[in-house]
Protein backbone atom coordinates (compact mmCIF):
# COMPACT_ATOMS: atom_id res chain seq x y z
CA UNK A 1 0.00 0.00 0.00
CA UNK A 2 2.70 2.50 0.93
CA UNK A 3 4.69 1.77 -2.23
CA UNK A 4 1.59 2.46 -4.31
CA UNK A 5 1.09 5.85 -2.64
CA UNK A 6 4.64 6.89 -3.49
CA UNK A 7 4.20 5.79 -7.11
CA UNK A 8 0.91 7.56 -7.83
CA UNK A 9 1.67 10.79 -5.98
CA UNK A 10 3.37 13.59 -7.96
CA UNK A 11 6.79 14.67 -6.69
CA UNK A 12 5.56 18.20 -6.04
CA UNK A 13 3.04 17.12 -3.35
CA UNK A 14 4.47 13.82 -2.15
CA UNK A 15 5.81 15.17 1.17
CA UNK A 16 2.32 16.34 2.16
CA UNK A 17 0.20 13.68 0.44
CA UNK A 18 1.75 10.52 1.87
CA UNK A 19 1.38 11.62 5.53
CA UNK A 20 -2.20 12.63 4.67
CA UNK A 21 -2.83 9.14 3.28
CA UNK A 22 -1.35 7.67 6.47
CA UNK A 23 -3.62 9.85 8.62
CA UNK A 24 -6.73 8.88 6.63
CA UNK A 25 -5.77 5.20 6.81
CA UNK A 26 -5.20 5.37 10.56
CA UNK A 27 -8.47 7.23 11.16
CA UNK A 28 -10.50 4.79 9.10
CA UNK A 29 -8.87 1.82 10.88
CA UNK A 30 -9.64 3.44 14.24
CA UNK A 31 -13.27 4.08 13.24
CA UNK A 32 -13.71 0.49 12.06
CA UNK A 33 -12.33 -0.89 15.33
CA UNK A 34 -14.28 1.57 17.46
CA UNK A 35 -17.69 0.93 15.88
CA UNK A 36 -17.39 -2.77 14.99
CA UNK A 37 -18.74 -4.08 18.35
CA UNK A 38 -21.67 -1.64 18.12
CA UNK A 39 -22.41 -2.75 14.54
CA UNK A 40 -22.42 -6.40 15.60
CA UNK A 41 -24.83 -5.67 18.41
CA UNK A 42 -27.22 -3.49 16.39
CA UNK A 43 -27.11 -5.05 12.91
CA UNK A 44 -26.00 -8.61 13.64
CA UNK A 45 -22.97 -10.38 12.22
CA UNK A 46 -24.39 -11.15 8.76
CA UNK A 47 -25.38 -7.55 7.99
CA UNK A 48 -22.16 -6.15 9.46
CA UNK A 49 -19.97 -8.39 7.32
CA UNK A 50 -22.17 -7.71 4.30
CA UNK A 51 -21.62 -3.98 4.88
CA UNK A 52 -17.83 -4.40 4.96
CA UNK A 53 -17.91 -6.75 1.98
CA UNK A 54 -19.86 -4.27 -0.13
CA UNK A 55 -17.38 -1.51 0.71
CA UNK A 56 -14.49 -3.82 -0.22
CA UNK A 57 -16.10 -4.58 -3.60
CA UNK A 58 -16.71 -0.89 -4.25
CA UNK A 59 -13.07 -0.16 -3.43
CA UNK A 60 -11.81 -2.91 -5.73
CA UNK A 61 -14.03 -1.65 -8.55
CA UNK A 62 -12.74 1.89 -8.10
CA UNK A 63 -9.14 0.66 -8.18
CA UNK A 64 -9.79 -1.32 -11.34
CA UNK A 65 -11.29 1.72 -13.07
CA UNK A 66 -9.07 4.59 -11.88
CA UNK A 67 -5.64 3.10 -11.12
CA UNK A 68 -3.15 3.01 -13.97
CA UNK A 69 -0.60 0.23 -14.47
CA UNK A 70 2.76 1.34 -13.05
CA UNK A 71 4.94 -1.62 -14.02
CA UNK A 72 8.12 -0.64 -15.93
CA UNK A 73 7.23 3.08 -15.88
CA UNK A 74 9.06 5.97 -14.30
CA UNK A 75 7.38 8.22 -11.77
CA UNK A 76 7.29 11.01 -14.35
CA UNK A 77 5.48 8.76 -16.85
CA UNK A 78 2.94 7.75 -14.21
CA UNK A 79 2.42 11.38 -13.27
CA UNK A 80 1.81 12.23 -16.93
CA UNK A 81 -0.70 9.40 -17.30
CA UNK A 82 -2.61 10.52 -14.23
CA UNK A 83 -2.62 14.21 -15.21
CA UNK A 84 -6.07 15.70 -15.55
CA UNK A 85 -5.30 17.67 -18.69
CA UNK A 86 -7.69 16.14 -21.23
CA UNK A 87 -6.25 17.98 -24.23
CA UNK A 88 -2.80 16.44 -23.99
CA UNK A 89 -1.59 13.25 -25.65
CA UNK A 90 1.15 11.37 -23.80
CA UNK A 91 3.53 8.95 -25.47
CA UNK A 92 4.82 6.13 -23.27
CA UNK A 93 6.95 3.36 -24.79
CA UNK A 94 5.76 4.20 -28.29
CA UNK A 95 2.06 4.13 -27.35
CA UNK A 96 0.06 7.35 -27.36
CA UNK A 97 -2.31 7.72 -24.43
CA UNK A 98 -5.01 10.36 -24.52
CA UNK A 99 -5.61 12.18 -21.22
CA UNK A 100 -8.94 11.66 -19.49
CA UNK A 101 -11.41 14.44 -18.69
PDB file of N, CA and C in Angstrom:
ATOM      1  N   UNK A   1       0.816  -1.185   0.000  1.00  0.00           N
ATOM      2  CA  UNK A   1       0.000   0.000   0.000  1.00  0.00           C
ATOM      3  C   UNK A   1       0.866   1.258   0.000  1.00  0.00           C
ATOM      4  N   UNK A   2       1.887   1.301   0.834  1.00  0.00           N
ATOM      5  CA  UNK A   2       2.704   2.504   0.934  1.00  0.00           C
ATOM      6  C   UNK A   2       3.534   2.708  -0.323  1.00  0.00           C
ATOM      7  N   UNK A   3       3.954   1.644  -0.975  1.00  0.00           N
ATOM      8  CA  UNK A   3       4.691   1.773  -2.228  1.00  0.00           C
ATOM      9  C   UNK A   3       3.785   2.363  -3.296  1.00  0.00           C
ATOM     10  N   UNK A   4       2.549   1.935  -3.338  1.00  0.00           N
ATOM     11  CA  UNK A   4       1.592   2.455  -4.308  1.00  0.00           C
ATOM     12  C   UNK A   4       1.396   3.958  -4.123  1.00  0.00           C
ATOM     13  N   UNK A   5       1.270   4.417  -2.887  1.00  0.00           N
ATOM     14  CA  UNK A   5       1.092   5.848  -2.642  1.00  0.00           C
ATOM     15  C   UNK A   5       2.271   6.647  -3.183  1.00  0.00           C
ATOM     16  N   UNK A   6       3.474   6.150  -2.996  1.00  0.00           N
ATOM     17  CA  UNK A   6       4.643   6.889  -3.488  1.00  0.00           C
ATOM     18  C   UNK A   6       4.730   6.868  -5.007  1.00  0.00           C
ATOM     19  N   UNK A   7       4.166   5.853  -5.650  1.00  0.00           N
ATOM     20  CA  UNK A   7       4.205   5.793  -7.109  1.00  0.00           C
ATOM     21  C   UNK A   7       3.154   6.674  -7.763  1.00  0.00           C
ATOM     22  N   UNK A   8       1.985   6.809  -7.178  1.00  0.00           N
ATOM     23  CA  UNK A   8       0.914   7.561  -7.832  1.00  0.00           C
ATOM     24  C   UNK A   8       0.865   9.022  -7.413  1.00  0.00           C
ATOM     25  N   UNK A   9       1.675   9.420  -6.447  1.00  0.00           N
ATOM     26  CA  UNK A   9       1.665  10.792  -5.978  1.00  0.00           C
ATOM     27  C   UNK A   9       2.733  11.603  -6.704  1.00  0.00           C
ATOM     28  N   UNK A  10       2.370  12.753  -7.280  1.00  0.00           N
ATOM     29  CA  UNK A  10       3.365  13.589  -7.960  1.00  0.00           C
ATOM     30  C   UNK A  10       4.456  14.058  -7.004  1.00  0.00           C
ATOM     31  N   UNK A  11       5.662  14.243  -7.517  1.00  0.00           N
ATOM     32  CA  UNK A  11       6.788  14.670  -6.690  1.00  0.00           C
ATOM     33  C   UNK A  11       6.515  15.984  -5.971  1.00  0.00           C
ATOM     34  N   UNK A  12       5.765  16.869  -6.605  1.00  0.00           N
ATOM     35  CA  UNK A  12       5.556  18.197  -6.040  1.00  0.00           C
ATOM     36  C   UNK A  12       4.719  18.188  -4.756  1.00  0.00           C
ATOM     37  N   UNK A  13       3.891  17.172  -4.551  1.00  0.00           N
ATOM     38  CA  UNK A  13       3.038  17.124  -3.354  1.00  0.00           C
ATOM     39  C   UNK A  13       3.263  15.886  -2.496  1.00  0.00           C
ATOM     40  N   UNK A  14       4.257  15.098  -2.837  1.00  0.00           N
ATOM     41  CA  UNK A  14       4.472  13.816  -2.149  1.00  0.00           C
ATOM     42  C   UNK A  14       4.718  13.983  -0.652  1.00  0.00           C
ATOM     43  N   UNK A  15       5.467  15.013  -0.251  1.00  0.00           N
ATOM     44  CA  UNK A  15       5.814  15.171   1.167  1.00  0.00           C
ATOM     45  C   UNK A  15       4.600  15.513   2.021  1.00  0.00           C
ATOM     46  N   UNK A  16       3.546  16.039   1.420  1.00  0.00           N
ATOM     47  CA  UNK A  16       2.319  16.335   2.157  1.00  0.00           C
ATOM     48  C   UNK A  16       1.292  15.220   1.957  1.00  0.00           C
ATOM     49  N   UNK A  17       1.238  14.652   0.766  1.00  0.00           N
ATOM     50  CA  UNK A  17       0.197  13.685   0.435  1.00  0.00           C
ATOM     51  C   UNK A  17       0.361  12.360   1.178  1.00  0.00           C
ATOM     52  N   UNK A  18       1.563  11.824   1.249  1.00  0.00           N
ATOM     53  CA  UNK A  18       1.752  10.516   1.873  1.00  0.00           C
ATOM     54  C   UNK A  18       1.406  10.546   3.369  1.00  0.00           C
ATOM     55  N   UNK A  19       1.849  11.565   4.139  1.00  0.00           N
ATOM     56  CA  UNK A  19       1.376  11.620   5.531  1.00  0.00           C
ATOM     57  C   UNK A  19      -0.146  11.799   5.634  1.00  0.00           C
ATOM     58  N   UNK A  20      -0.739  12.496   4.671  1.00  0.00           N
ATOM     59  CA  UNK A  20      -2.202  12.634   4.674  1.00  0.00           C
ATOM     60  C   UNK A  20      -2.867  11.289   4.437  1.00  0.00           C
ATOM     61  N   UNK A  21      -2.319  10.494   3.503  1.00  0.00           N
ATOM     62  CA  UNK A  21      -2.829   9.140   3.279  1.00  0.00           C
ATOM     63  C   UNK A  21      -2.712   8.307   4.547  1.00  0.00           C
ATOM     64  N   UNK A  22      -1.568   8.430   5.235  1.00  0.00           N
ATOM     65  CA  UNK A  22      -1.354   7.668   6.468  1.00  0.00           C
ATOM     66  C   UNK A  22      -2.364   8.077   7.534  1.00  0.00           C
ATOM     67  N   UNK A  23      -2.641   9.371   7.645  1.00  0.00           N
ATOM     68  CA  UNK A  23      -3.622   9.849   8.618  1.00  0.00           C
ATOM     69  C   UNK A  23      -5.013   9.317   8.289  1.00  0.00           C
ATOM     70  N   UNK A  24      -5.411   9.392   7.018  1.00  0.00           N
ATOM     71  CA  UNK A  24      -6.730   8.879   6.629  1.00  0.00           C
ATOM     72  C   UNK A  24      -6.835   7.379   6.875  1.00  0.00           C
ATOM     73  N   UNK A  25      -5.768   6.643   6.581  1.00  0.00           N
ATOM     74  CA  UNK A  25      -5.765   5.202   6.809  1.00  0.00           C
ATOM     75  C   UNK A  25      -5.887   4.882   8.294  1.00  0.00           C
ATOM     76  N   UNK A  26      -5.144   5.602   9.115  1.00  0.00           N
ATOM     77  CA  UNK A  26      -5.199   5.371  10.563  1.00  0.00           C
ATOM     78  C   UNK A  26      -6.564   5.728  11.134  1.00  0.00           C
ATOM     79  N   UNK A  27      -7.145   6.831  10.666  1.00  0.00           N
ATOM     80  CA  UNK A  27      -8.468   7.228  11.164  1.00  0.00           C
ATOM     81  C   UNK A  27      -9.557   6.246  10.743  1.00  0.00           C
ATOM     82  N   UNK A  28      -9.487   5.752   9.524  1.00  0.00           N
ATOM     83  CA  UNK A  28     -10.502   4.788   9.103  1.00  0.00           C
ATOM     84  C   UNK A  28     -10.335   3.451   9.827  1.00  0.00           C
ATOM     85  N   UNK A  29      -9.092   3.040  10.100  1.00  0.00           N
ATOM     86  CA  UNK A  29      -8.874   1.818  10.877  1.00  0.00           C
ATOM     87  C   UNK A  29      -9.391   1.995  12.311  1.00  0.00           C
ATOM     88  N   UNK A  30      -9.143   3.168  12.889  1.00  0.00           N
ATOM     89  CA  UNK A  30      -9.637   3.443  14.238  1.00  0.00           C
ATOM     90  C   UNK A  30     -11.163   3.399  14.263  1.00  0.00           C
ATOM     91  N   UNK A  31     -11.814   4.040  13.278  1.00  0.00           N
ATOM     92  CA  UNK A  31     -13.273   4.077  13.242  1.00  0.00           C
ATOM     93  C   UNK A  31     -13.855   2.666  13.085  1.00  0.00           C
ATOM     94  N   UNK A  32     -13.227   1.859  12.240  1.00  0.00           N
ATOM     95  CA  UNK A  32     -13.711   0.486  12.065  1.00  0.00           C
ATOM     96  C   UNK A  32     -13.624  -0.296  13.362  1.00  0.00           C
ATOM     97  N   UNK A  33     -12.504  -0.164  14.072  1.00  0.00           N
ATOM     98  CA  UNK A  33     -12.326  -0.891  15.327  1.00  0.00           C
ATOM     99  C   UNK A  33     -13.227  -0.353  16.431  1.00  0.00           C
ATOM    100  N   UNK A  34     -13.454   0.942  16.431  1.00  0.00           N
ATOM    101  CA  UNK A  34     -14.282   1.568  17.459  1.00  0.00           C
ATOM    102  C   UNK A  34     -15.749   1.165  17.327  1.00  0.00           C
ATOM    103  N   UNK A  35     -16.265   1.142  16.089  1.00  0.00           N
ATOM    104  CA  UNK A  35     -17.689   0.925  15.883  1.00  0.00           C
ATOM    105  C   UNK A  35     -18.065  -0.514  15.537  1.00  0.00           C
ATOM    106  N   UNK A  36     -17.090  -1.381  15.339  1.00  0.00           N
ATOM    107  CA  UNK A  36     -17.387  -2.767  14.993  1.00  0.00           C
ATOM    108  C   UNK A  36     -18.229  -3.481  16.051  1.00  0.00           C
ATOM    109  N   UNK A  37     -17.891  -3.402  17.350  1.00  0.00           N
ATOM    110  CA  UNK A  37     -18.745  -4.076  18.353  1.00  0.00           C
ATOM    111  C   UNK A  37     -20.178  -3.535  18.353  1.00  0.00           C
ATOM    112  N   UNK A  38     -20.332  -2.230  18.178  1.00  0.00           N
ATOM    113  CA  UNK A  38     -21.668  -1.636  18.120  1.00  0.00           C
ATOM    114  C   UNK A  38     -22.434  -2.150  16.900  1.00  0.00           C
ATOM    115  N   UNK A  39     -21.761  -2.241  15.746  1.00  0.00           N
ATOM    116  CA  UNK A  39     -22.411  -2.751  14.541  1.00  0.00           C
ATOM    117  C   UNK A  39     -22.864  -4.200  14.725  1.00  0.00           C
ATOM    118  N   UNK A  40     -22.026  -5.011  15.341  1.00  0.00           N
ATOM    119  CA  UNK A  40     -22.416  -6.405  15.604  1.00  0.00           C
ATOM    120  C   UNK A  40     -23.653  -6.479  16.475  1.00  0.00           C
ATOM    121  N   UNK A  41     -23.701  -5.644  17.493  1.00  0.00           N
ATOM    122  CA  UNK A  41     -24.833  -5.667  18.414  1.00  0.00           C
ATOM    123  C   UNK A  41     -26.119  -5.173  17.754  1.00  0.00           C
ATOM    124  N   UNK A  42     -26.026  -4.110  16.970  1.00  0.00           N
ATOM    125  CA  UNK A  42     -27.222  -3.490  16.392  1.00  0.00           C
ATOM    126  C   UNK A  42     -27.677  -4.199  15.120  1.00  0.00           C
ATOM    127  N   UNK A  43     -26.754  -4.506  14.226  1.00  0.00           N
ATOM    128  CA  UNK A  43     -27.108  -5.051  12.909  1.00  0.00           C
ATOM    129  C   UNK A  43     -26.968  -6.565  12.810  1.00  0.00           C
ATOM    130  N   UNK A  44     -26.250  -7.177  13.726  1.00  0.00           N
ATOM    131  CA  UNK A  44     -25.996  -8.608  13.640  1.00  0.00           C
ATOM    132  C   UNK A  44     -24.771  -8.879  12.792  1.00  0.00           C
ATOM    133  N   UNK A  45     -24.237 -10.073  12.910  1.00  0.00           N
ATOM    134  CA  UNK A  45     -22.975 -10.376  12.220  1.00  0.00           C
ATOM    135  C   UNK A  45     -23.131 -10.437  10.701  1.00  0.00           C
ATOM    136  N   UNK A  46     -24.226 -11.013  10.208  1.00  0.00           N
ATOM    137  CA  UNK A  46     -24.393 -11.146   8.759  1.00  0.00           C
ATOM    138  C   UNK A  46     -24.459  -9.786   8.077  1.00  0.00           C
ATOM    139  N   UNK A  47     -25.256  -8.875   8.600  1.00  0.00           N
ATOM    140  CA  UNK A  47     -25.381  -7.548   7.993  1.00  0.00           C
ATOM    141  C   UNK A  47     -24.111  -6.726   8.141  1.00  0.00           C
ATOM    142  N   UNK A  48     -23.419  -6.884   9.265  1.00  0.00           N
ATOM    143  CA  UNK A  48     -22.164  -6.155   9.464  1.00  0.00           C
ATOM    144  C   UNK A  48     -21.120  -6.599   8.452  1.00  0.00           C
ATOM    145  N   UNK A  49     -20.958  -7.910   8.283  1.00  0.00           N
ATOM    146  CA  UNK A  49     -19.966  -8.393   7.324  1.00  0.00           C
ATOM    147  C   UNK A  49     -20.389  -8.119   5.892  1.00  0.00           C
ATOM    148  N   UNK A  50     -21.681  -8.098   5.622  1.00  0.00           N
ATOM    149  CA  UNK A  50     -22.171  -7.708   4.304  1.00  0.00           C
ATOM    150  C   UNK A  50     -21.814  -6.251   4.017  1.00  0.00           C
ATOM    151  N   UNK A  51     -21.982  -5.385   4.997  1.00  0.00           N
ATOM    152  CA  UNK A  51     -21.620  -3.977   4.876  1.00  0.00           C
ATOM    153  C   UNK A  51     -20.150  -3.818   4.503  1.00  0.00           C
ATOM    154  N   UNK A  52     -19.263  -4.489   5.245  1.00  0.00           N
ATOM    155  CA  UNK A  52     -17.828  -4.397   4.959  1.00  0.00           C
ATOM    156  C   UNK A  52     -17.481  -5.039   3.619  1.00  0.00           C
ATOM    157  N   UNK A  53     -18.140  -6.108   3.268  1.00  0.00           N
ATOM    158  CA  UNK A  53     -17.910  -6.752   1.976  1.00  0.00           C
ATOM    159  C   UNK A  53     -18.304  -5.869   0.807  1.00  0.00           C
ATOM    160  N   UNK A  54     -19.429  -5.176   0.944  1.00  0.00           N
ATOM    161  CA  UNK A  54     -19.864  -4.266  -0.128  1.00  0.00           C
ATOM    162  C   UNK A  54     -18.863  -3.131  -0.297  1.00  0.00           C
ATOM    163  N   UNK A  55     -18.380  -2.567   0.808  1.00  0.00           N
ATOM    164  CA  UNK A  55     -17.383  -1.509   0.709  1.00  0.00           C
ATOM    165  C   UNK A  55     -16.081  -2.018   0.089  1.00  0.00           C
ATOM    166  N   UNK A  56     -15.695  -3.240   0.388  1.00  0.00           N
ATOM    167  CA  UNK A  56     -14.492  -3.816  -0.218  1.00  0.00           C
ATOM    168  C   UNK A  56     -14.673  -3.984  -1.728  1.00  0.00           C
ATOM    169  N   UNK A  57     -15.834  -4.441  -2.158  1.00  0.00           N
ATOM    170  CA  UNK A  57     -16.102  -4.582  -3.597  1.00  0.00           C
ATOM    171  C   UNK A  57     -16.123  -3.234  -4.305  1.00  0.00           C
ATOM    172  N   UNK A  58     -16.714  -2.232  -3.665  1.00  0.00           N
ATOM    173  CA  UNK A  58     -16.715  -0.887  -4.248  1.00  0.00           C
ATOM    174  C   UNK A  58     -15.284  -0.371  -4.392  1.00  0.00           C
ATOM    175  N   UNK A  59     -14.470  -0.580  -3.377  1.00  0.00           N
ATOM    176  CA  UNK A  59     -13.074  -0.156  -3.432  1.00  0.00           C
ATOM    177  C   UNK A  59     -12.296  -0.866  -4.522  1.00  0.00           C
ATOM    178  N   UNK A  60     -12.505  -2.164  -4.673  1.00  0.00           N
ATOM    179  CA  UNK A  60     -11.808  -2.909  -5.732  1.00  0.00           C
ATOM    180  C   UNK A  60     -12.255  -2.430  -7.110  1.00  0.00           C
ATOM    181  N   UNK A  61     -13.539  -2.149  -7.267  1.00  0.00           N
ATOM    182  CA  UNK A  61     -14.034  -1.650  -8.553  1.00  0.00           C
ATOM    183  C   UNK A  61     -13.435  -0.284  -8.870  1.00  0.00           C
ATOM    184  N   UNK A  62     -13.337   0.576  -7.872  1.00  0.00           N
ATOM    185  CA  UNK A  62     -12.738   1.892  -8.097  1.00  0.00           C
ATOM    186  C   UNK A  62     -11.265   1.775  -8.473  1.00  0.00           C
ATOM    187  N   UNK A  63     -10.544   0.871  -7.823  1.00  0.00           N
ATOM    188  CA  UNK A  63      -9.141   0.663  -8.177  1.00  0.00           C
ATOM    189  C   UNK A  63      -9.000   0.156  -9.609  1.00  0.00           C
ATOM    190  N   UNK A  64      -9.855  -0.760  -9.990  1.00  0.00           N
ATOM    191  CA  UNK A  64      -9.786  -1.321 -11.340  1.00  0.00           C
ATOM    192  C   UNK A  64     -10.059  -0.257 -12.400  1.00  0.00           C
ATOM    193  N   UNK A  65     -10.921   0.694 -12.090  1.00  0.00           N
ATOM    194  CA  UNK A  65     -11.287   1.724 -13.071  1.00  0.00           C
ATOM    195  C   UNK A  65     -10.271   2.863 -13.102  1.00  0.00           C
ATOM    196  N   UNK A  66      -9.838   3.347 -11.949  1.00  0.00           N
ATOM    197  CA  UNK A  66      -9.071   4.586 -11.883  1.00  0.00           C
ATOM    198  C   UNK A  66      -7.562   4.418 -11.752  1.00  0.00           C
ATOM    199  N   UNK A  67      -7.072   3.267 -11.357  1.00  0.00           N
ATOM    200  CA  UNK A  67      -5.642   3.096 -11.121  1.00  0.00           C
ATOM    201  C   UNK A  67      -4.949   2.651 -12.394  1.00  0.00           C
ATOM    202  N   UNK A  68      -3.891   3.360 -12.766  1.00  0.00           N
ATOM    203  CA  UNK A  68      -3.152   3.010 -13.972  1.00  0.00           C
ATOM    204  C   UNK A  68      -2.074   1.978 -13.638  1.00  0.00           C
ATOM    205  N   UNK A  69      -1.677   1.205 -14.642  1.00  0.00           N
ATOM    206  CA  UNK A  69      -0.604   0.230 -14.465  1.00  0.00           C
ATOM    207  C   UNK A  69       0.717   0.980 -14.322  1.00  0.00           C
ATOM    208  N   UNK A  70       1.508   0.644 -13.311  1.00  0.00           N
ATOM    209  CA  UNK A  70       2.760   1.343 -13.051  1.00  0.00           C
ATOM    210  C   UNK A  70       3.997   0.496 -13.346  1.00  0.00           C
ATOM    211  N   UNK A  71       3.814  -0.729 -13.784  1.00  0.00           N
ATOM    212  CA  UNK A  71       4.939  -1.623 -14.018  1.00  0.00           C
ATOM    213  C   UNK A  71       5.811  -1.102 -15.163  1.00  0.00           C
ATOM    214  N   UNK A  72       7.120  -1.064 -14.944  1.00  0.00           N
ATOM    215  CA  UNK A  72       8.123  -0.643 -15.926  1.00  0.00           C
ATOM    216  C   UNK A  72       7.941   0.795 -16.385  1.00  0.00           C
ATOM    217  N   UNK A  73       7.397   1.663 -15.548  1.00  0.00           N
ATOM    218  CA  UNK A  73       7.230   3.076 -15.882  1.00  0.00           C
ATOM    219  C   UNK A  73       7.905   3.924 -14.823  1.00  0.00           C
ATOM    220  N   UNK A  74       8.450   5.052 -15.251  1.00  0.00           N
ATOM    221  CA  UNK A  74       9.060   5.973 -14.302  1.00  0.00           C
ATOM    222  C   UNK A  74       7.965   6.770 -13.599  1.00  0.00           C
ATOM    223  N   UNK A  75       8.342   7.423 -12.512  1.00  0.00           N
ATOM    224  CA  UNK A  75       7.383   8.222 -11.765  1.00  0.00           C
ATOM    225  C   UNK A  75       6.857   9.364 -12.632  1.00  0.00           C
ATOM    226  N   UNK A  76       7.716   9.924 -13.469  1.00  0.00           N
ATOM    227  CA  UNK A  76       7.290  11.007 -14.350  1.00  0.00           C
ATOM    228  C   UNK A  76       6.271  10.523 -15.376  1.00  0.00           C
ATOM    229  N   UNK A  77       6.451   9.317 -15.913  1.00  0.00           N
ATOM    230  CA  UNK A  77       5.481   8.761 -16.854  1.00  0.00           C
ATOM    231  C   UNK A  77       4.137   8.511 -16.168  1.00  0.00           C
ATOM    232  N   UNK A  78       4.179   8.001 -14.958  1.00  0.00           N
ATOM    233  CA  UNK A  78       2.944   7.748 -14.214  1.00  0.00           C
ATOM    234  C   UNK A  78       2.238   9.062 -13.924  1.00  0.00           C
ATOM    235  N   UNK A  79       3.006  10.065 -13.543  1.00  0.00           N
ATOM    236  CA  UNK A  79       2.423  11.378 -13.275  1.00  0.00           C
ATOM    237  C   UNK A  79       1.762  11.941 -14.529  1.00  0.00           C
ATOM    238  N   UNK A  80       2.387  11.759 -15.667  1.00  0.00           N
ATOM    239  CA  UNK A  80       1.810  12.229 -16.930  1.00  0.00           C
ATOM    240  C   UNK A  80       0.522  11.486 -17.254  1.00  0.00           C
ATOM    241  N   UNK A  81       0.502  10.175 -17.024  1.00  0.00           N
ATOM    242  CA  UNK A  81      -0.701   9.399 -17.299  1.00  0.00           C
ATOM    243  C   UNK A  81      -1.859   9.791 -16.397  1.00  0.00           C
ATOM    244  N   UNK A  82      -1.559  10.186 -15.176  1.00  0.00           N
ATOM    245  CA  UNK A  82      -2.614  10.518 -14.232  1.00  0.00           C
ATOM    246  C   UNK A  82      -2.984  11.995 -14.252  1.00  0.00           C
ATOM    247  N   UNK A  83      -2.316  12.782 -15.115  1.00  0.00           N
ATOM    248  CA  UNK A  83      -2.619  14.212 -15.211  1.00  0.00           C
ATOM    249  C   UNK A  83      -4.054  14.401 -15.679  1.00  0.00           C
ATOM    250  N   UNK A  84      -4.660  15.453 -15.224  1.00  0.00           N
ATOM    251  CA  UNK A  84      -6.070  15.695 -15.552  1.00  0.00           C
ATOM    252  C   UNK A  84      -6.252  16.509 -16.831  1.00  0.00           C
ATOM    253  N   UNK A  85      -5.188  16.876 -17.484  1.00  0.00           N
ATOM    254  CA  UNK A  85      -5.301  17.668 -18.694  1.00  0.00           C
ATOM    255  C   UNK A  85      -5.824  16.800 -19.833  1.00  0.00           C
ATOM    256  N   UNK A  86      -7.061  17.005 -20.238  1.00  0.00           N
ATOM    257  CA  UNK A  86      -7.691  16.139 -21.234  1.00  0.00           C
ATOM    258  C   UNK A  86      -7.276  16.467 -22.659  1.00  0.00           C
ATOM    259  N   UNK A  87      -6.628  17.585 -22.875  1.00  0.00           N
ATOM    260  CA  UNK A  87      -6.255  17.977 -24.233  1.00  0.00           C
ATOM    261  C   UNK A  87      -4.851  17.525 -24.614  1.00  0.00           C
ATOM    262  N   UNK A  88      -4.192  16.796 -23.752  1.00  0.00           N
ATOM    263  CA  UNK A  88      -2.805  16.437 -23.993  1.00  0.00           C
ATOM    264  C   UNK A  88      -2.683  14.954 -24.297  1.00  0.00           C
ATOM    265  N   UNK A  89      -1.915  14.629 -25.335  1.00  0.00           N
ATOM    266  CA  UNK A  89      -1.593  13.245 -25.649  1.00  0.00           C
ATOM    267  C   UNK A  89      -0.232  12.938 -25.047  1.00  0.00           C
ATOM    268  N   UNK A  90      -0.081  11.762 -24.477  1.00  0.00           N
ATOM    269  CA  UNK A  90       1.146  11.375 -23.803  1.00  0.00           C
ATOM    270  C   UNK A  90       1.676  10.114 -24.470  1.00  0.00           C
ATOM    271  N   UNK A  91       2.944  10.120 -24.848  1.00  0.00           N
ATOM    272  CA  UNK A  91       3.535   8.946 -25.466  1.00  0.00           C
ATOM    273  C   UNK A  91       4.398   8.234 -24.444  1.00  0.00           C
ATOM    274  N   UNK A  92       4.075   6.964 -24.201  1.00  0.00           N
ATOM    275  CA  UNK A  92       4.824   6.132 -23.270  1.00  0.00           C
ATOM    276  C   UNK A  92       5.176   4.845 -24.006  1.00  0.00           C
ATOM    277  N   UNK A  93       6.457   4.577 -24.124  1.00  0.00           N
ATOM    278  CA  UNK A  93       6.953   3.362 -24.787  1.00  0.00           C
ATOM    279  C   UNK A  93       6.332   3.183 -26.172  1.00  0.00           C
ATOM    280  N   UNK A  94       6.258   4.282 -26.924  1.00  0.00           N
ATOM    281  CA  UNK A  94       5.764   4.196 -28.293  1.00  0.00           C
ATOM    282  C   UNK A  94       4.255   4.147 -28.434  1.00  0.00           C
ATOM    283  N   UNK A  95       3.519   4.165 -27.311  1.00  0.00           N
ATOM    284  CA  UNK A  95       2.064   4.128 -27.354  1.00  0.00           C
ATOM    285  C   UNK A  95       1.541   5.486 -26.912  1.00  0.00           C
ATOM    286  N   UNK A  96       0.618   6.040 -27.700  1.00  0.00           N
ATOM    287  CA  UNK A  96       0.059   7.352 -27.361  1.00  0.00           C
ATOM    288  C   UNK A  96      -1.183   7.146 -26.519  1.00  0.00           C
ATOM    289  N   UNK A  97      -1.179   7.790 -25.348  1.00  0.00           N
ATOM    290  CA  UNK A  97      -2.306   7.719 -24.434  1.00  0.00           C
ATOM    291  C   UNK A  97      -2.978   9.088 -24.424  1.00  0.00           C
ATOM    292  N   UNK A  98      -4.258   9.118 -24.576  1.00  0.00           N
ATOM    293  CA  UNK A  98      -5.005  10.359 -24.524  1.00  0.00           C
ATOM    294  C   UNK A  98      -5.432  10.592 -23.085  1.00  0.00           C
ATOM    295  N   UNK A  99      -5.225  11.836 -22.582  1.00  0.00           N
ATOM    296  CA  UNK A  99      -5.610  12.177 -21.216  1.00  0.00           C
ATOM    297  C   UNK A  99      -7.110  12.059 -21.034  1.00  0.00           C
ATOM    298  N   UNK A 100      -7.515  11.820 -19.803  1.00  0.00           N
ATOM    299  CA  UNK A 100      -8.941  11.665 -19.492  1.00  0.00           C
ATOM    300  C   UNK A 100      -9.485  12.971 -18.946  1.00  0.00           C
ATOM    301  N   UNK A 101     -10.752  13.223 -19.198  1.00  0.00           N
ATOM    302  CA  UNK A 101     -11.406  14.443 -18.695  1.00  0.00           C
ATOM    303  C   UNK A 101     -11.786  14.271 -17.241  1.00  0.00           C
TER     304      UNK A 101
END
